[in-house]
Amino acid sequence: MKAIKFIASLFVTVAVASATLAGNGAKAKKASTLAVDTKESKIHWLAKKVTGQHEGFISISSGSLSVDKSKVVGGSFTIDMKSIVCTDITNEEYNKKFISHITTGDFFEVEKFPTTTFKITKVAGSNITGDLTLHGVTKTITFPAKITVAGGKVTATASIPVDRTEFGVKYGSKKFFESIGDKAIDDVFTLDITLSAK
């Protein structure tokens, strides 16, 4: 009987110790979550065509970054597609027409797809891999980024090339309209992102 009680007591002790260690391990591995500062964060876009180029800005509406031991290990952010502006077209009427053109059915259909999201799935050195959801299509992309973590603040910058045709945006692409000539628009546009979280 004493032996049975001793074994039972030993089992309980081991179980409690294991649970404590597991709890401490989980606590040690837990990353901090920092909210993206949408006022300090920004995205500059650049799109080229045969006869020139256009550029402007688009806003980040929300997001967060996960930090573990001064390293970014995860996170996500959301882009407000209705916030897009063009900065190189000075004529107000033409500017409005251009924005209407790229936000409707020919391009990004922002009424149907009001947001674009990016979720980090892997961080390897300076390379970021994640899922980009644009125009209702999700693709995995990888790009280099410069990330600094200091004083409870994270700043990340990256230049991300995006092939719009992979997300179903085909207007003016030579892949689909071979005889388009000098009206062709480059398939790839660039997002220069500055992300700040604290």
C-alpha atoms as a PDB file:
ATOM      1  CA  MET A   1       0.000   0.000   0.000  1.00  0.00           C
ATOM      2  CA  LYS A   2       2.859   2.375   0.910  1.00  0.00           C
ATOM      3  CA  ALA A   3       4.538   1.579  -2.382  1.00  0.00           C
ATOM      4  CA  ILE A   4       1.375   2.460  -4.299  1.00  0.00           C
ATOM      5  CA  LYS A   5       1.056   5.791  -2.439  1.00  0.00           C
ATOM      6  CA  PHE A   6       4.720   6.567  -3.103  1.00  0.00           C
ATOM      7  CA  ILE A   7       4.381   5.866  -6.829  1.00  0.00           C
ATOM      8  CA  ALA A   8       1.205   7.985  -7.011  1.00  0.00           C
ATOM      9  CA  SER A   9       2.942  10.835  -5.179  1.00  0.00           C
ATOM     10  CA  LEU A  10       5.947  10.582  -7.478  1.00  0.00           C
ATOM     11  CA  PHE A  11       3.691  10.662 -10.559  1.00  0.00           C
ATOM     12  CA  VAL A  12       1.933  13.815  -9.344  1.00  0.00           C
ATOM     13  CA  THR A  13       5.273  15.510  -8.618  1.00  0.00           C
ATOM     14  CA  VAL A  14       6.604  14.715 -12.085  1.00  0.00           C
ATOM     15  CA  ALA A  15       3.365  15.858 -13.729  1.00  0.00           C
ATOM     16  CA  VAL A  16       3.401  19.185 -11.881  1.00  0.00           C
ATOM     17  CA  ALA A  17       7.077  19.756 -12.684  1.00  0.00           C
ATOM     18  CA  SER A  18       6.507  18.978 -16.355  1.00  0.00           C
ATOM     19  CA  ALA A  19       3.549  21.334 -16.529  1.00  0.00           C
ATOM     20  CA  THR A  20       5.573  24.098 -14.867  1.00  0.00           C
ATOM     21  CA  LEU A  21       8.483  23.664 -17.268  1.00  0.00           C
ATOM     22  CA  ALA A  22       6.137  23.592 -20.239  1.00  0.00           C
ATOM     23  CA  GLY A  23       4.465  26.759 -19.015  1.00  0.00           C
ATOM     24  CA  ASN A  24       7.774  28.520 -18.534  1.00  0.00           C
ATOM     25  CA  GLY A  25       8.947  27.397 -21.970  1.00  0.00           C
ATOM     26  CA  ALA A  26       5.786  28.700 -23.615  1.00  0.00           C
ATOM     27  CA  LYS A  27       6.192  31.971 -21.745  1.00  0.00           C
ATOM     28  CA  ALA A  28       9.809  32.325 -22.828  1.00  0.00           C
ATOM     29  CA  LYS A  29       8.939  31.700 -26.457  1.00  0.00           C
ATOM     30  CA  LYS A  30       6.010  34.109 -26.557  1.00  0.00           C
ATOM     31  CA  ALA A  31       6.678  37.040 -28.907  1.00  0.00           C
ATOM     32  CA  SER A  32       5.617  40.627 -28.300  1.00  0.00           C
ATOM     33  CA  THR A  33       3.001  42.127 -30.607  1.00  0.00           C
ATOM     34  CA  LEU A  34       3.506  45.727 -31.696  1.00  0.00           C
ATOM     35  CA  ALA A  35       0.793  47.735 -33.447  1.00  0.00           C
ATOM     36  CA  VAL A  36       1.640  49.334 -36.786  1.00  0.00           C
ATOM     37  CA  ASP A  37       1.667  53.132 -36.621  1.00  0.00           C
ATOM     38  CA  THR A  38      -0.482  53.987 -39.639  1.00  0.00           C
ATOM     39  CA  LYS A  39       0.516  57.672 -39.534  1.00  0.00           C
ATOM     40  CA  GLU A  40       4.253  56.971 -39.713  1.00  0.00           C
ATOM     41  CA  SER A  41       3.927  54.052 -42.144  1.00  0.00           C
ATOM     42  CA  LYS A  42       3.581  54.676 -45.847  1.00  0.00           C
ATOM     43  CA  ILE A  43       3.644  53.013 -49.248  1.00  0.00           C
ATOM     44  CA  HIS A  44       4.935  54.656 -52.416  1.00  0.00           C
ATOM     45  CA  TRP A  45       3.838  52.984 -55.656  1.00  0.00           C
ATOM     46  CA  LEU A  46       5.395  53.214 -59.099  1.00  0.00           C
ATOM     47  CA  ALA A  47       3.892  51.846 -62.315  1.00  0.00           C
ATOM     48  CA  LYS A  48       5.534  52.098 -65.738  1.00  0.00           C
ATOM     49  CA  LYS A  49       4.312  51.923 -69.323  1.00  0.00           C
ATOM     50  CA  VAL A  50       5.903  52.225 -72.766  1.00  0.00           C
ATOM     51  CA  THR A  51       5.303  55.976 -72.944  1.00  0.00           C
ATOM     52  CA  GLY A  52       6.091  56.916 -69.353  1.00  0.00           C
ATOM     53  CA  GLN A  53       5.192  56.181 -65.745  1.00  0.00           C
ATOM     54  CA  HIS A  54       2.944  57.208 -62.863  1.00  0.00           C
ATOM     55  CA  GLU A  55       3.493  57.207 -59.122  1.00  0.00           C
ATOM     56  CA  GLY A  56       1.839  58.092 -55.856  1.00  0.00           C
ATOM     57  CA  PHE A  57       0.950  56.841 -52.398  1.00  0.00           C
ATOM     58  CA  ILE A  58      -1.477  54.428 -50.776  1.00  0.00           C
ATOM     59  CA  SER A  59      -2.290  54.093 -47.072  1.00  0.00           C
ATOM     60  CA  ILE A  60      -1.825  51.270 -44.595  1.00  0.00           C
ATOM     61  CA  SER A  61      -5.033  51.039 -42.554  1.00  0.00           C
ATOM     62  CA  SER A  62      -3.932  48.550 -39.868  1.00  0.00           C
ATOM     63  CA  GLY A  63      -1.351  45.940 -38.962  1.00  0.00           C
ATOM     64  CA  SER A  64       0.947  44.430 -36.352  1.00  0.00           C
ATOM     65  CA  LEU A  65       4.421  42.919 -36.060  1.00  0.00           C
ATOM     66  CA  SER A  66       5.518  40.092 -33.779  1.00  0.00           C
ATOM     67  CA  VAL A  67       8.940  40.568 -32.182  1.00  0.00           C
ATOM     68  CA  ASP A  68      10.951  37.935 -30.316  1.00  0.00           C
ATOM     69  CA  LYS A  69      14.356  38.815 -28.843  1.00  0.00           C
ATOM     70  CA  SER A  70      14.746  41.922 -31.024  1.00  0.00           C
ATOM     71  CA  LYS A  71      13.842  40.026 -34.186  1.00  0.00           C
ATOM     72  CA  VAL A  72      10.668  40.244 -36.249  1.00  0.00           C
ATOM     73  CA  VAL A  73       9.162  36.769 -36.463  1.00  0.00           C
ATOM     74  CA  GLY A  74       5.735  37.488 -37.918  1.00  0.00           C
ATOM     75  CA  GLY A  75       3.062  40.049 -38.590  1.00  0.00           C
ATOM     76  CA  SER A  76       0.620  41.385 -41.126  1.00  0.00           C
ATOM     77  CA  PHE A  77      -0.760  44.629 -42.501  1.00  0.00           C
ATOM     78  CA  THR A  78      -3.742  45.836 -44.499  1.00  0.00           C
ATOM     79  CA  ILE A  79      -3.694  48.361 -47.353  1.00  0.00           C
ATOM     80  CA  ASP A  80      -6.709  50.589 -47.991  1.00  0.00           C
ATOM     81  CA  MET A  81      -7.138  50.357 -51.766  1.00  0.00           C
ATOM     82  CA  LYS A  82      -9.554  53.306 -51.792  1.00  0.00           C
ATOM     83  CA  SER A  83      -6.830  55.612 -50.479  1.00  0.00           C
ATOM     84  CA  ILE A  84      -4.671  55.489 -53.605  1.00  0.00           C
ATOM     85  CA  VAL A  85      -3.477  58.859 -54.925  1.00  0.00           C
ATOM     86  CA  CYS A  86      -1.355  59.868 -57.916  1.00  0.00           C
ATOM     87  CA  THR A  87       1.239  62.598 -57.362  1.00  0.00           C
ATOM     88  CA  ASP A  88       2.678  63.159 -60.832  1.00  0.00           C
ATOM     89  CA  ILE A  89      -0.494  64.208 -62.694  1.00  0.00           C
ATOM     90  CA  THR A  90      -0.992  67.899 -61.919  1.00  0.00           C
ATOM     91  CA  ASN A  91      -4.148  68.438 -63.971  1.00  0.00           C
ATOM     92  CA  GLU A  92      -6.982  67.866 -61.483  1.00  0.00           C
ATOM     93  CA  GLU A  93      -9.507  66.575 -64.017  1.00  0.00           C
ATOM     94  CA  TYR A  94      -7.041  64.153 -65.641  1.00  0.00           C
ATOM     95  CA  ASN A  95      -5.866  63.031 -62.198  1.00  0.00           C
ATOM     96  CA  LYS A  96      -9.431  62.114 -61.204  1.00  0.00           C
ATOM     97  CA  LYS A  97      -9.940  60.223 -64.469  1.00  0.00           C
ATOM     98  CA  PHE A  98      -6.694  58.302 -63.946  1.00  0.00           C
ATOM     99  CA  ILE A  99      -7.611  57.307 -60.373  1.00  0.00           C
ATOM    100  CA  SER A 100     -11.070  56.257 -61.543  1.00  0.00           C
ATOM    101  CA  HIS A 101      -9.461  54.188 -64.298  1.00  0.00           C
ATOM    102  CA  ILE A 102      -7.107  52.239 -62.003  1.00  0.00           C
ATOM    103  CA  THR A 103      -9.638  51.709 -59.213  1.00  0.00           C
ATOM    104  CA  THR A 104     -12.486  50.305 -61.342  1.00  0.00           C
ATOM    105  CA  GLY A 105     -12.985  47.217 -63.504  1.00  0.00           C
ATOM    106  CA  ASP A 106      -9.952  47.702 -65.750  1.00  0.00           C
ATOM    107  CA  PHE A 107      -7.590  47.362 -62.813  1.00  0.00           C
ATOM    108  CA  PHE A 108      -8.130  46.880 -59.085  1.00  0.00           C
ATOM    109  CA  GLU A 109     -11.943  47.010 -58.647  1.00  0.00           C
ATOM    110  CA  VAL A 110     -11.680  48.627 -55.215  1.00  0.00           C
ATOM    111  CA  GLU A 111     -15.434  48.562 -54.606  1.00  0.00           C
ATOM    112  CA  LYS A 112     -15.300  44.772 -54.807  1.00  0.00           C
ATOM    113  CA  PHE A 113     -11.819  44.388 -53.295  1.00  0.00           C
ATOM    114  CA  PRO A 114     -11.374  47.359 -50.908  1.00  0.00           C
ATOM    115  CA  THR A 115      -8.283  45.996 -49.167  1.00  0.00           C
ATOM    116  CA  THR A 116      -4.999  44.283 -49.936  1.00  0.00           C
ATOM    117  CA  THR A 117      -3.326  42.254 -47.196  1.00  0.00           C
ATOM    118  CA  PHE A 118       0.099  40.815 -46.532  1.00  0.00           C
ATOM    119  CA  LYS A 119       0.802  38.169 -43.876  1.00  0.00           C
ATOM    120  CA  ILE A 120       4.341  37.115 -42.959  1.00  0.00           C
ATOM    121  CA  THR A 121       4.855  33.362 -42.974  1.00  0.00           C
ATOM    122  CA  LYS A 122       8.651  33.192 -42.707  1.00  0.00           C
ATOM    123  CA  VAL A 123      11.605  35.397 -41.820  1.00  0.00           C
ATOM    124  CA  ALA A 124      15.026  34.126 -42.913  1.00  0.00           C
ATOM    125  CA  GLY A 125      17.831  36.613 -42.392  1.00  0.00           C
ATOM    126  CA  SER A 126      16.861  39.730 -44.318  1.00  0.00           C
ATOM    127  CA  ASN A 127      14.345  37.896 -46.513  1.00  0.00           C
ATOM    128  CA  ILE A 128      10.632  38.091 -45.806  1.00  0.00           C
ATOM    129  CA  THR A 129       8.189  35.503 -47.166  1.00  0.00           C
ATOM    130  CA  GLY A 130       4.459  35.890 -46.898  1.00  0.00           C
ATOM    131  CA  ASP A 131       1.022  35.702 -48.482  1.00  0.00           C
ATOM    132  CA  LEU A 132      -0.079  38.725 -50.512  1.00  0.00           C
ATOM    133  CA  THR A 133      -3.810  38.935 -51.189  1.00  0.00           C
ATOM    134  CA  LEU A 134      -4.587  41.401 -53.987  1.00  0.00           C
ATOM    135  CA  HIS A 135      -7.683  41.654 -56.161  1.00  0.00           C
ATOM    136  CA  GLY A 136      -9.100  38.577 -54.426  1.00  0.00           C
ATOM    137  CA  VAL A 137      -6.078  36.401 -55.286  1.00  0.00           C
ATOM    138  CA  THR A 138      -3.477  35.151 -52.796  1.00  0.00           C
ATOM    139  CA  LYS A 139       0.124  34.480 -53.824  1.00  0.00           C
ATOM    140  CA  THR A 140       3.267  33.742 -51.816  1.00  0.00           C
ATOM    141  CA  ILE A 141       6.047  36.265 -52.390  1.00  0.00           C
ATOM    142  CA  THR A 142       9.583  36.704 -51.016  1.00  0.00           C
ATOM    143  CA  PHE A 143      11.572  39.926 -50.884  1.00  0.00           C
ATOM    144  CA  PRO A 144      14.538  41.435 -48.984  1.00  0.00           C
ATOM    145  CA  ALA A 145      13.806  43.941 -46.217  1.00  0.00           C
ATOM    146  CA  LYS A 146      15.803  46.139 -43.874  1.00  0.00           C
ATOM    147  CA  ILE A 147      14.502  45.812 -40.316  1.00  0.00           C
ATOM    148  CA  THR A 148      15.636  47.619 -37.178  1.00  0.00           C
ATOM    149  CA  VAL A 149      14.365  46.974 -33.654  1.00  0.00           C
ATOM    150  CA  ALA A 150      15.263  49.528 -30.981  1.00  0.00           C
ATOM    151  CA  GLY A 151      13.618  51.198 -28.012  1.00  0.00           C
ATOM    152  CA  GLY A 152      10.373  49.309 -28.350  1.00  0.00           C
ATOM    153  CA  LYS A 153      10.000  50.395 -31.983  1.00  0.00           C
ATOM    154  CA  VAL A 154      10.324  48.454 -35.222  1.00  0.00           C
ATOM    155  CA  THR A 155      11.063  50.058 -38.573  1.00  0.00           C
ATOM    156  CA  ALA A 156      10.995  47.972 -41.732  1.00  0.00           C
ATOM    157  CA  THR A 157      11.643  49.111 -45.288  1.00  0.00           C
ATOM    158  CA  ALA A 158      11.339  47.113 -48.486  1.00  0.00           C
ATOM    159  CA  SER A 159      10.925  47.510 -52.211  1.00  0.00           C
ATOM    160  CA  ILE A 160       8.464  44.901 -53.451  1.00  0.00           C
ATOM    161  CA  PRO A 161       7.923  44.146 -57.157  1.00  0.00           C
ATOM    162  CA  VAL A 162       4.413  42.848 -57.831  1.00  0.00           C
ATOM    163  CA  ASP A 163       3.320  41.202 -61.087  1.00  0.00           C
ATOM    164  CA  ARG A 164      -0.293  42.356 -61.362  1.00  0.00           C
ATOM    165  CA  THR A 165      -1.167  39.741 -63.983  1.00  0.00           C
ATOM    166  CA  GLU A 166      -0.616  36.988 -61.389  1.00  0.00           C
ATOM    167  CA  PHE A 167      -3.478  38.564 -59.455  1.00  0.00           C
ATOM    168  CA  GLY A 168      -5.854  38.731 -62.390  1.00  0.00           C
ATOM    169  CA  VAL A 169      -5.182  42.351 -63.409  1.00  0.00           C
ATOM    170  CA  LYS A 170      -4.585  42.014 -67.154  1.00  0.00           C
ATOM    171  CA  TYR A 171      -5.434  45.423 -68.636  1.00  0.00           C
ATOM    172  CA  GLY A 172      -2.780  46.653 -71.090  1.00  0.00           C
ATOM    173  CA  SER A 173      -0.530  43.618 -70.631  1.00  0.00           C
ATOM    174  CA  LYS A 174       1.428  42.280 -73.600  1.00  0.00           C
ATOM    175  CA  LYS A 175       0.973  38.787 -72.171  1.00  0.00           C
ATOM    176  CA  PHE A 176      -2.681  38.971 -73.125  1.00  0.00           C
ATOM    177  CA  PHE A 177      -2.794  41.713 -75.779  1.00  0.00           C
ATOM    178  CA  GLU A 178       0.183  41.175 -78.095  1.00  0.00           C
ATOM    179  CA  SER A 179      -0.776  43.840 -80.642  1.00  0.00           C
ATOM    180  CA  ILE A 180      -1.223  46.616 -78.079  1.00  0.00           C
ATOM    181  CA  GLY A 181       1.965  48.392 -79.202  1.00  0.00           C
ATOM    182  CA  ASP A 182       2.953  51.580 -77.360  1.00  0.00           C
ATOM    183  CA  LYS A 183      -0.183  51.422 -75.212  1.00  0.00           C
ATOM    184  CA  ALA A 184       1.293  48.539 -73.245  1.00  0.00           C
ATOM    185  CA  ILE A 185       1.586  48.845 -69.476  1.00  0.00           C
ATOM    186  CA  ASP A 186       4.284  46.988 -67.545  1.00  0.00           C
ATOM    187  CA  ASP A 187       3.045  43.899 -65.748  1.00  0.00           C
ATOM    188  CA  VAL A 188       5.197  44.650 -62.712  1.00  0.00           C
ATOM    189  CA  PHE A 189       4.634  47.632 -60.439  1.00  0.00           C
ATOM    190  CA  THR A 190       6.692  48.469 -57.356  1.00  0.00           C
ATOM    191  CA  LEU A 191       5.633  49.100 -53.762  1.00  0.00           C
ATOM    192  CA  ASP A 192       8.232  50.920 -51.645  1.00  0.00           C
ATOM    193  CA  ILE A 193       7.094  50.286 -48.103  1.00  0.00           C
ATOM    194  CA  THR A 194       8.088  51.946 -44.849  1.00  0.00           C
ATOM    195  CA  LEU A 195       6.471  50.179 -41.900  1.00  0.00           C
ATOM    196  CA  SER A 196       6.670  51.510 -38.373  1.00  0.00           C
ATOM    197  CA  ALA A 197       5.363  49.680 -35.296  1.00  0.00           C
ATOM    198  CA  LYS A 198       5.666  50.431 -31.585  1.00  0.00           C
END
